[in-house]
């Protein structure tokens, strides 16, 4: 089995209106109230109002979000990916 290389992860939140992330590997879902980001250290959910992805560079692993951030929380990344993996594995 291939070992996945982690690049580190950080987040910086300025005035609850500008969130800068590193270590981003994918974006699972997004709308104006919730953005789900896959990082090297788990799944990060950003909740808020009028959220907007200003910049996304998956090659560099960086992302910038603007809007009013009301909550940030992590969950363990689910293996299996995709809808069918989630249906049959958790």
PDB file of N, CA and C in Angstrom:
ATOM      1  N   UNK A   1       0.840  -1.185   0.000  1.00  0.00           N
ATOM      2  CA  UNK A   1       0.000   0.000   0.000  1.00  0.00           C
ATOM      3  C   UNK A   1       0.881   1.242   0.000  1.00  0.00           C
ATOM      4  N   UNK A   2       0.548   2.200  -0.823  1.00  0.00           N
ATOM      5  CA  UNK A   2       1.347   3.418  -0.953  1.00  0.00           C
ATOM      6  C   UNK A   2       1.124   4.344   0.239  1.00  0.00           C
ATOM      7  N   UNK A   3       2.216   4.837   0.815  1.00  0.00           N
ATOM      8  CA  UNK A   3       2.153   5.766   1.940  1.00  0.00           C
ATOM      9  C   UNK A   3       1.909   7.171   1.419  1.00  0.00           C
ATOM     10  N   UNK A   4       0.932   7.864   1.975  1.00  0.00           N
ATOM     11  CA  UNK A   4       0.627   9.219   1.536  1.00  0.00           C
ATOM     12  C   UNK A   4       1.537  10.213   2.249  1.00  0.00           C
ATOM     13  N   UNK A   5       2.161  11.092   1.492  1.00  0.00           N
ATOM     14  CA  UNK A   5       3.063  12.095   2.048  1.00  0.00           C
ATOM     15  C   UNK A   5       2.247  13.290   2.544  1.00  0.00           C
ATOM     16  N   UNK A   6       2.469  13.679   3.790  1.00  0.00           N
ATOM     17  CA  UNK A   6       1.790  14.851   4.328  1.00  0.00           C
ATOM     18  C   UNK A   6       2.694  16.060   4.198  1.00  0.00           C
ATOM     19  N   UNK A   7       2.088  17.199   3.922  1.00  0.00           N
ATOM     20  CA  UNK A   7       2.865  18.417   3.714  1.00  0.00           C
ATOM     21  C   UNK A   7       2.700  19.410   4.853  1.00  0.00           C
ATOM     22  N   UNK A   8       1.930  19.066   5.856  1.00  0.00           N
ATOM     23  CA  UNK A   8       1.645  20.002   6.929  1.00  0.00           C
ATOM     24  C   UNK A   8       0.350  20.735   6.660  1.00  0.00           C
ATOM     25  N   UNK A   9      -0.161  21.372   7.677  1.00  0.00           N
ATOM     26  CA  UNK A   9      -1.439  22.065   7.553  1.00  0.00           C
ATOM     27  C   UNK A   9      -1.444  23.239   8.520  1.00  0.00           C
ATOM     28  N   UNK A  10      -1.936  24.374   8.042  1.00  0.00           N
ATOM     29  CA  UNK A  10      -2.107  25.530   8.924  1.00  0.00           C
ATOM     30  C   UNK A  10      -3.336  26.299   8.493  1.00  0.00           C
ATOM     31  N   UNK A  11      -3.856  27.079   9.421  1.00  0.00           N
ATOM     32  CA  UNK A  11      -4.943  27.987   9.076  1.00  0.00           C
ATOM     33  C   UNK A  11      -4.755  29.288   9.821  1.00  0.00           C
ATOM     34  N   UNK A  12      -5.101  30.377   9.140  1.00  0.00           N
ATOM     35  CA  UNK A  12      -5.028  31.715   9.718  1.00  0.00           C
ATOM     36  C   UNK A  12      -6.364  32.389   9.474  1.00  0.00           C
ATOM     37  N   UNK A  13      -6.983  32.847  10.555  1.00  0.00           N
ATOM     38  CA  UNK A  13      -8.274  33.522  10.457  1.00  0.00           C
ATOM     39  C   UNK A  13      -8.102  34.963  10.917  1.00  0.00           C
ATOM     40  N   UNK A  14      -8.388  35.906  10.025  1.00  0.00           N
ATOM     41  CA  UNK A  14      -8.270  37.330  10.334  1.00  0.00           C
ATOM     42  C   UNK A  14      -9.659  37.940  10.481  1.00  0.00           C
ATOM     43  N   UNK A  15      -9.944  38.473  11.650  1.00  0.00           N
ATOM     44  CA  UNK A  15     -11.187  39.193  11.924  1.00  0.00           C
ATOM     45  C   UNK A  15     -12.436  38.387  11.571  1.00  0.00           C
ATOM     46  N   UNK A  16     -12.336  37.065  11.617  1.00  0.00           N
ATOM     47  CA  UNK A  16     -13.443  36.158  11.287  1.00  0.00           C
ATOM     48  C   UNK A  16     -13.991  36.376   9.880  1.00  0.00           C
ATOM     49  N   UNK A  17     -13.210  37.041   9.005  1.00  0.00           N
ATOM     50  CA  UNK A  17     -13.682  37.336   7.656  1.00  0.00           C
ATOM     51  C   UNK A  17     -12.773  36.827   6.548  1.00  0.00           C
ATOM     52  N   UNK A  18     -11.550  36.457   6.867  1.00  0.00           N
ATOM     53  CA  UNK A  18     -10.617  35.978   5.844  1.00  0.00           C
ATOM     54  C   UNK A  18      -9.852  34.783   6.411  1.00  0.00           C
ATOM     55  N   UNK A  19     -10.052  33.623   5.795  1.00  0.00           N
ATOM     56  CA  UNK A  19      -9.426  32.386   6.246  1.00  0.00           C
ATOM     57  C   UNK A  19      -8.440  31.911   5.183  1.00  0.00           C
ATOM     58  N   UNK A  20      -7.196  31.708   5.595  1.00  0.00           N
ATOM     59  CA  UNK A  20      -6.161  31.206   4.701  1.00  0.00           C
ATOM     60  C   UNK A  20      -5.737  29.832   5.194  1.00  0.00           C
ATOM     61  N   UNK A  21      -5.731  28.844   4.292  1.00  0.00           N
ATOM     62  CA  UNK A  21      -5.416  27.465   4.646  1.00  0.00           C
ATOM     63  C   UNK A  21      -4.239  26.953   3.827  1.00  0.00           C
ATOM     64  N   UNK A  22      -3.442  26.076   4.432  1.00  0.00           N
ATOM     65  CA  UNK A  22      -2.433  25.308   3.704  1.00  0.00           C
ATOM     66  C   UNK A  22      -2.652  23.839   4.033  1.00  0.00           C
ATOM     67  N   UNK A  23      -2.067  22.958   3.240  1.00  0.00           N
ATOM     68  CA  UNK A  23      -2.247  21.527   3.455  1.00  0.00           C
ATOM     69  C   UNK A  23      -3.565  21.009   2.913  1.00  0.00           C
ATOM     70  N   UNK A  24      -4.170  21.756   1.993  1.00  0.00           N
ATOM     71  CA  UNK A  24      -5.452  21.371   1.399  1.00  0.00           C
ATOM     72  C   UNK A  24      -5.194  20.377   0.264  1.00  0.00           C
ATOM     73  N   UNK A  25      -5.901  19.248   0.290  1.00  0.00           N
ATOM     74  CA  UNK A  25      -5.759  18.262  -0.779  1.00  0.00           C
ATOM     75  C   UNK A  25      -6.983  18.191  -1.683  1.00  0.00           C
ATOM     76  N   UNK A  26      -8.152  18.641  -1.190  1.00  0.00           N
ATOM     77  CA  UNK A  26      -9.371  18.602  -1.999  1.00  0.00           C
ATOM     78  C   UNK A  26     -10.447  19.435  -1.314  1.00  0.00           C
ATOM     79  N   UNK A  27     -11.461  19.802  -2.086  1.00  0.00           N
ATOM     80  CA  UNK A  27     -12.651  20.460  -1.546  1.00  0.00           C
ATOM     81  C   UNK A  27     -13.806  19.514  -1.817  1.00  0.00           C
ATOM     82  N   UNK A  28     -14.450  19.046  -0.749  1.00  0.00           N
ATOM     83  CA  UNK A  28     -15.512  18.057  -0.872  1.00  0.00           C
ATOM     84  C   UNK A  28     -16.828  18.696  -1.289  1.00  0.00           C
ATOM     85  N   UNK A  29     -17.171  19.837  -0.682  1.00  0.00           N
ATOM     86  CA  UNK A  29     -18.440  20.511  -0.981  1.00  0.00           C
ATOM     87  C   UNK A  29     -18.348  21.954  -0.514  1.00  0.00           C
ATOM     88  N   UNK A  30     -19.156  22.818  -1.155  1.00  0.00           N
ATOM     89  CA  UNK A  30     -19.190  24.198  -0.685  1.00  0.00           C
ATOM     90  C   UNK A  30     -20.473  24.884  -1.119  1.00  0.00           C
ATOM     91  N   UNK A  31     -20.912  25.793  -0.264  1.00  0.00           N
ATOM     92  CA  UNK A  31     -21.985  26.730  -0.572  1.00  0.00           C
ATOM     93  C   UNK A  31     -21.747  27.955   0.298  1.00  0.00           C
ATOM     94  N   UNK A  32     -22.664  28.900   0.321  1.00  0.00           N
ATOM     95  CA  UNK A  32     -22.441  30.145   1.065  1.00  0.00           C
ATOM     96  C   UNK A  32     -22.472  29.970   2.580  1.00  0.00           C
ATOM     97  N   UNK A  33     -22.929  28.808   3.064  1.00  0.00           N
ATOM     98  CA  UNK A  33     -23.031  28.591   4.505  1.00  0.00           C
ATOM     99  C   UNK A  33     -22.072  27.539   5.047  1.00  0.00           C
ATOM    100  N   UNK A  34     -21.497  26.705   4.164  1.00  0.00           N
ATOM    101  CA  UNK A  34     -20.619  25.635   4.639  1.00  0.00           C
ATOM    102  C   UNK A  34     -19.656  25.201   3.542  1.00  0.00           C
ATOM    103  N   UNK A  35     -18.389  25.052   3.918  1.00  0.00           N
ATOM    104  CA  UNK A  35     -17.360  24.563   3.003  1.00  0.00           C
ATOM    105  C   UNK A  35     -16.655  23.401   3.692  1.00  0.00           C
ATOM    106  N   UNK A  36     -16.553  22.273   3.000  1.00  0.00           N
ATOM    107  CA  UNK A  36     -15.871  21.100   3.536  1.00  0.00           C
ATOM    108  C   UNK A  36     -14.582  20.894   2.755  1.00  0.00           C
ATOM    109  N   UNK A  37     -13.469  20.952   3.481  1.00  0.00           N
ATOM    110  CA  UNK A  37     -12.137  20.893   2.892  1.00  0.00           C
ATOM    111  C   UNK A  37     -11.430  19.640   3.398  1.00  0.00           C
ATOM    112  N   UNK A  38     -10.776  18.916   2.501  1.00  0.00           N
ATOM    113  CA  UNK A  38      -9.973  17.761   2.891  1.00  0.00           C
ATOM    114  C   UNK A  38      -8.527  18.233   3.045  1.00  0.00           C
ATOM    115  N   UNK A  39      -7.957  17.971   4.230  1.00  0.00           N
ATOM    116  CA  UNK A  39      -6.573  18.352   4.498  1.00  0.00           C
ATOM    117  C   UNK A  39      -5.765  17.098   4.818  1.00  0.00           C
ATOM    118  N   UNK A  40      -4.467  17.266   4.932  1.00  0.00           N
ATOM    119  CA  UNK A  40      -3.601  16.155   5.310  1.00  0.00           C
ATOM    120  C   UNK A  40      -3.882  15.661   6.729  1.00  0.00           C
ATOM    121  N   UNK A  41      -4.598  16.446   7.521  1.00  0.00           N
ATOM    122  CA  UNK A  41      -4.843  16.100   8.911  1.00  0.00           C
ATOM    123  C   UNK A  41      -6.318  15.910   9.217  1.00  0.00           C
ATOM    124  N   UNK A  42      -7.122  15.619   8.215  1.00  0.00           N
ATOM    125  CA  UNK A  42      -8.539  15.360   8.420  1.00  0.00           C
ATOM    126  C   UNK A  42      -9.413  16.301   7.620  1.00  0.00           C
ATOM    127  N   UNK A  43     -10.692  16.120   7.800  1.00  0.00           N
ATOM    128  CA  UNK A  43     -11.683  16.914   7.092  1.00  0.00           C
ATOM    129  C   UNK A  43     -12.016  18.153   7.927  1.00  0.00           C
ATOM    130  N   UNK A  44     -11.930  19.318   7.316  1.00  0.00           N
ATOM    131  CA  UNK A  44     -12.214  20.584   7.989  1.00  0.00           C
ATOM    132  C   UNK A  44     -13.513  21.147   7.432  1.00  0.00           C
ATOM    133  N   UNK A  45     -14.449  21.434   8.322  1.00  0.00           N
ATOM    134  CA  UNK A  45     -15.701  22.068   7.925  1.00  0.00           C
ATOM    135  C   UNK A  45     -15.687  23.506   8.413  1.00  0.00           C
ATOM    136  N   UNK A  46     -15.950  24.422   7.498  1.00  0.00           N
ATOM    137  CA  UNK A  46     -16.027  25.848   7.801  1.00  0.00           C
ATOM    138  C   UNK A  46     -17.489  26.239   7.661  1.00  0.00           C
ATOM    139  N   UNK A  47     -18.062  26.794   8.726  1.00  0.00           N
ATOM    140  CA  UNK A  47     -19.450  27.255   8.676  1.00  0.00           C
ATOM    141  C   UNK A  47     -19.466  28.765   8.798  1.00  0.00           C
ATOM    142  N   UNK A  48     -20.457  29.389   8.167  1.00  0.00           N
ATOM    143  CA  UNK A  48     -20.550  30.831   8.234  1.00  0.00           C
ATOM    144  C   UNK A  48     -21.644  31.389   7.356  1.00  0.00           C
ATOM    145  N   UNK A  49     -21.475  32.652   7.005  1.00  0.00           N
ATOM    146  CA  UNK A  49     -22.444  33.366   6.183  1.00  0.00           C
ATOM    147  C   UNK A  49     -21.714  34.004   5.008  1.00  0.00           C
ATOM    148  N   UNK A  50     -22.309  33.915   3.842  1.00  0.00           N
ATOM    149  CA  UNK A  50     -21.753  34.498   2.613  1.00  0.00           C
ATOM    150  C   UNK A  50     -20.317  34.042   2.362  1.00  0.00           C
ATOM    151  N   UNK A  51     -20.054  32.756   2.594  1.00  0.00           N
ATOM    152  CA  UNK A  51     -18.715  32.208   2.377  1.00  0.00           C
ATOM    153  C   UNK A  51     -18.427  32.110   0.886  1.00  0.00           C
ATOM    154  N   UNK A  52     -17.198  32.434   0.528  1.00  0.00           N
ATOM    155  CA  UNK A  52     -16.792  32.430  -0.873  1.00  0.00           C
ATOM    156  C   UNK A  52     -15.350  31.950  -0.974  1.00  0.00           C
ATOM    157  N   UNK A  53     -15.099  31.017  -1.883  1.00  0.00           N
ATOM    158  CA  UNK A  53     -13.734  30.555  -2.134  1.00  0.00           C
ATOM    159  C   UNK A  53     -13.071  31.568  -3.056  1.00  0.00           C
ATOM    160  N   UNK A  54     -12.168  32.360  -2.497  1.00  0.00           N
ATOM    161  CA  UNK A  54     -11.470  33.398  -3.268  1.00  0.00           C
ATOM    162  C   UNK A  54     -10.344  32.823  -4.102  1.00  0.00           C
ATOM    163  N   UNK A  55      -9.632  31.843  -3.543  1.00  0.00           N
ATOM    164  CA  UNK A  55      -8.494  31.245  -4.247  1.00  0.00           C
ATOM    165  C   UNK A  55      -8.353  29.791  -3.820  1.00  0.00           C
ATOM    166  N   UNK A  56      -7.998  28.946  -4.785  1.00  0.00           N
ATOM    167  CA  UNK A  56      -7.767  27.532  -4.517  1.00  0.00           C
ATOM    168  C   UNK A  56      -6.655  27.046  -5.436  1.00  0.00           C
ATOM    169  N   UNK A  57      -5.588  26.517  -4.839  1.00  0.00           N
ATOM    170  CA  UNK A  57      -4.473  25.966  -5.605  1.00  0.00           C
ATOM    171  C   UNK A  57      -4.128  24.607  -5.001  1.00  0.00           C
ATOM    172  N   UNK A  58      -4.677  23.542  -5.580  1.00  0.00           N
ATOM    173  CA  UNK A  58      -4.454  22.210  -5.035  1.00  0.00           C
ATOM    174  C   UNK A  58      -3.026  21.729  -5.244  1.00  0.00           C
ATOM    175  N   UNK A  59      -2.337  22.233  -6.255  1.00  0.00           N
ATOM    176  CA  UNK A  59      -0.931  21.858  -6.455  1.00  0.00           C
ATOM    177  C   UNK A  59      -0.074  22.337  -5.295  1.00  0.00           C
ATOM    178  N   UNK A  60      -0.343  23.549  -4.823  1.00  0.00           N
ATOM    179  CA  UNK A  60       0.390  24.108  -3.675  1.00  0.00           C
ATOM    180  C   UNK A  60      -0.281  23.753  -2.354  1.00  0.00           C
ATOM    181  N   UNK A  61      -1.543  23.314  -2.406  1.00  0.00           N
ATOM    182  CA  UNK A  61      -2.275  22.975  -1.193  1.00  0.00           C
ATOM    183  C   UNK A  61      -2.789  24.184  -0.444  1.00  0.00           C
ATOM    184  N   UNK A  62      -3.032  25.287  -1.152  1.00  0.00           N
ATOM    185  CA  UNK A  62      -3.479  26.505  -0.470  1.00  0.00           C
ATOM    186  C   UNK A  62      -4.895  26.890  -0.885  1.00  0.00           C
ATOM    187  N   UNK A  63      -5.554  27.603   0.019  1.00  0.00           N
ATOM    188  CA  UNK A  63      -6.930  28.028  -0.210  1.00  0.00           C
ATOM    189  C   UNK A  63      -7.198  29.286   0.598  1.00  0.00           C
ATOM    190  N   UNK A  64      -8.033  30.166   0.046  1.00  0.00           N
ATOM    191  CA  UNK A  64      -8.434  31.374   0.764  1.00  0.00           C
ATOM    192  C   UNK A  64      -9.956  31.499   0.682  1.00  0.00           C
ATOM    193  N   UNK A  65     -10.570  31.717   1.844  1.00  0.00           N
ATOM    194  CA  UNK A  65     -12.022  31.835   1.962  1.00  0.00           C
ATOM    195  C   UNK A  65     -12.341  33.182   2.584  1.00  0.00           C
ATOM    196  N   UNK A  66     -13.368  33.858   2.050  1.00  0.00           N
ATOM    197  CA  UNK A  66     -13.846  35.100   2.658  1.00  0.00           C
ATOM    198  C   UNK A  66     -15.312  34.925   3.036  1.00  0.00           C
ATOM    199  N   UNK A  67     -15.779  35.783   3.926  1.00  0.00           N
ATOM    200  CA  UNK A  67     -17.143  35.735   4.440  1.00  0.00           C
ATOM    201  C   UNK A  67     -17.089  35.767   5.951  1.00  0.00           C
ATOM    202  N   UNK A  68     -18.234  35.681   6.598  1.00  0.00           N
ATOM    203  CA  UNK A  68     -18.277  35.679   8.064  1.00  0.00           C
ATOM    204  C   UNK A  68     -18.176  34.238   8.562  1.00  0.00           C
ATOM    205  N   UNK A  69     -17.048  33.898   9.185  1.00  0.00           N
ATOM    206  CA  UNK A  69     -16.817  32.551   9.700  1.00  0.00           C
ATOM    207  C   UNK A  69     -17.415  32.451  11.098  1.00  0.00           C
ATOM    208  N   UNK A  70     -18.306  31.465  11.289  1.00  0.00           N
ATOM    209  CA  UNK A  70     -18.940  31.276  12.596  1.00  0.00           C
ATOM    210  C   UNK A  70     -18.450  30.026  13.314  1.00  0.00           C
ATOM    211  N   UNK A  71     -17.884  29.057  12.567  1.00  0.00           N
ATOM    212  CA  UNK A  71     -17.395  27.828  13.203  1.00  0.00           C
ATOM    213  C   UNK A  71     -16.387  27.132  12.303  1.00  0.00           C
ATOM    214  N   UNK A  72     -15.426  26.481  12.955  1.00  0.00           N
ATOM    215  CA  UNK A  72     -14.438  25.632  12.284  1.00  0.00           C
ATOM    216  C   UNK A  72     -14.363  24.342  13.083  1.00  0.00           C
ATOM    217  N   UNK A  73     -14.472  23.193  12.422  1.00  0.00           N
ATOM    218  CA  UNK A  73     -14.270  21.947  13.154  1.00  0.00           C
ATOM    219  C   UNK A  73     -13.724  20.860  12.239  1.00  0.00           C
ATOM    220  N   UNK A  74     -12.969  19.951  12.876  1.00  0.00           N
ATOM    221  CA  UNK A  74     -12.327  18.856  12.168  1.00  0.00           C
ATOM    222  C   UNK A  74     -13.037  17.547  12.474  1.00  0.00           C
ATOM    223  N   UNK A  75     -13.071  16.672  11.476  1.00  0.00           N
ATOM    224  CA  UNK A  75     -13.488  15.291  11.666  1.00  0.00           C
ATOM    225  C   UNK A  75     -12.441  14.425  10.990  1.00  0.00           C
ATOM    226  N   UNK A  76     -12.367  13.178  11.395  1.00  0.00           N
ATOM    227  CA  UNK A  76     -11.398  12.271  10.792  1.00  0.00           C
ATOM    228  C   UNK A  76     -11.754  12.064   9.333  1.00  0.00           C
ATOM    229  N   UNK A  77     -10.764  12.106   8.465  1.00  0.00           N
ATOM    230  CA  UNK A  77     -10.979  11.908   7.029  1.00  0.00           C
ATOM    231  C   UNK A  77     -11.494  10.499   6.776  1.00  0.00           C
ATOM    232  N   UNK A  78     -12.549  10.389   5.992  1.00  0.00           N
ATOM    233  CA  UNK A  78     -13.144   9.100   5.659  1.00  0.00           C
ATOM    234  C   UNK A  78     -12.419   8.485   4.476  1.00  0.00           C
ATOM    235  N   UNK A  79     -11.962   7.258   4.640  1.00  0.00           N
ATOM    236  CA  UNK A  79     -11.339   6.528   3.531  1.00  0.00           C
ATOM    237  C   UNK A  79     -12.437   5.953   2.659  1.00  0.00           C
ATOM    238  N   UNK A  80     -12.115   5.665   1.435  1.00  0.00           N
ATOM    239  CA  UNK A  80     -13.091   5.079   0.531  1.00  0.00           C
ATOM    240  C   UNK A  80     -13.569   6.074  -0.491  1.00  0.00           C
ATOM    241  N   UNK A  81     -13.570   7.350  -0.150  1.00  0.00           N
ATOM    242  CA  UNK A  81     -13.912   8.417  -1.072  1.00  0.00           C
ATOM    243  C   UNK A  81     -15.198   8.206  -1.836  1.00  0.00           C
ATOM    244  N   UNK A  82     -15.734   9.238  -2.355  1.00  0.00           N
ATOM    245  CA  UNK A  82     -16.916   9.179  -3.194  1.00  0.00           C
ATOM    246  C   UNK A  82     -18.151   8.703  -2.466  1.00  0.00           C
ATOM    247  N   UNK A  83     -19.256   8.801  -3.143  1.00  0.00           N
ATOM    248  CA  UNK A  83     -20.545   8.437  -2.570  1.00  0.00           C
ATOM    249  C   UNK A  83     -20.616   6.960  -2.224  1.00  0.00           C
ATOM    250  N   UNK A  84     -20.175   6.078  -3.117  1.00  0.00           N
ATOM    251  CA  UNK A  84     -20.281   4.647  -2.857  1.00  0.00           C
ATOM    252  C   UNK A  84     -19.381   4.210  -1.709  1.00  0.00           C
ATOM    253  N   UNK A  85     -18.211   4.794  -1.611  1.00  0.00           N
ATOM    254  CA  UNK A  85     -17.333   4.478  -0.494  1.00  0.00           C
ATOM    255  C   UNK A  85     -17.959   4.861   0.834  1.00  0.00           C
ATOM    256  N   UNK A  86     -18.651   5.989   0.860  1.00  0.00           N
ATOM    257  CA  UNK A  86     -19.320   6.434   2.083  1.00  0.00           C
ATOM    258  C   UNK A  86     -20.522   5.557   2.407  1.00  0.00           C
ATOM    259  N   UNK A  87     -21.275   5.146   1.386  1.00  0.00           N
ATOM    260  CA  UNK A  87     -22.450   4.308   1.609  1.00  0.00           C
ATOM    261  C   UNK A  87     -22.077   2.953   2.185  1.00  0.00           C
ATOM    262  N   UNK A  88     -21.004   2.363   1.680  1.00  0.00           N
ATOM    263  CA  UNK A  88     -20.653   1.013   2.079  1.00  0.00           C
ATOM    264  C   UNK A  88     -19.639   0.924   3.208  1.00  0.00           C
ATOM    265  N   UNK A  89     -19.003   2.052   3.559  1.00  0.00           N
ATOM    266  CA  UNK A  89     -17.994   2.018   4.620  1.00  0.00           C
ATOM    267  C   UNK A  89     -18.267   2.987   5.749  1.00  0.00           C
ATOM    268  N   UNK A  90     -19.377   3.609   5.790  1.00  0.00           N
ATOM    269  CA  UNK A  90     -19.584   4.456   6.939  1.00  0.00           C
ATOM    270  C   UNK A  90     -20.385   5.608   6.665  1.00  0.00           C
TER     271      UNK A  90
END
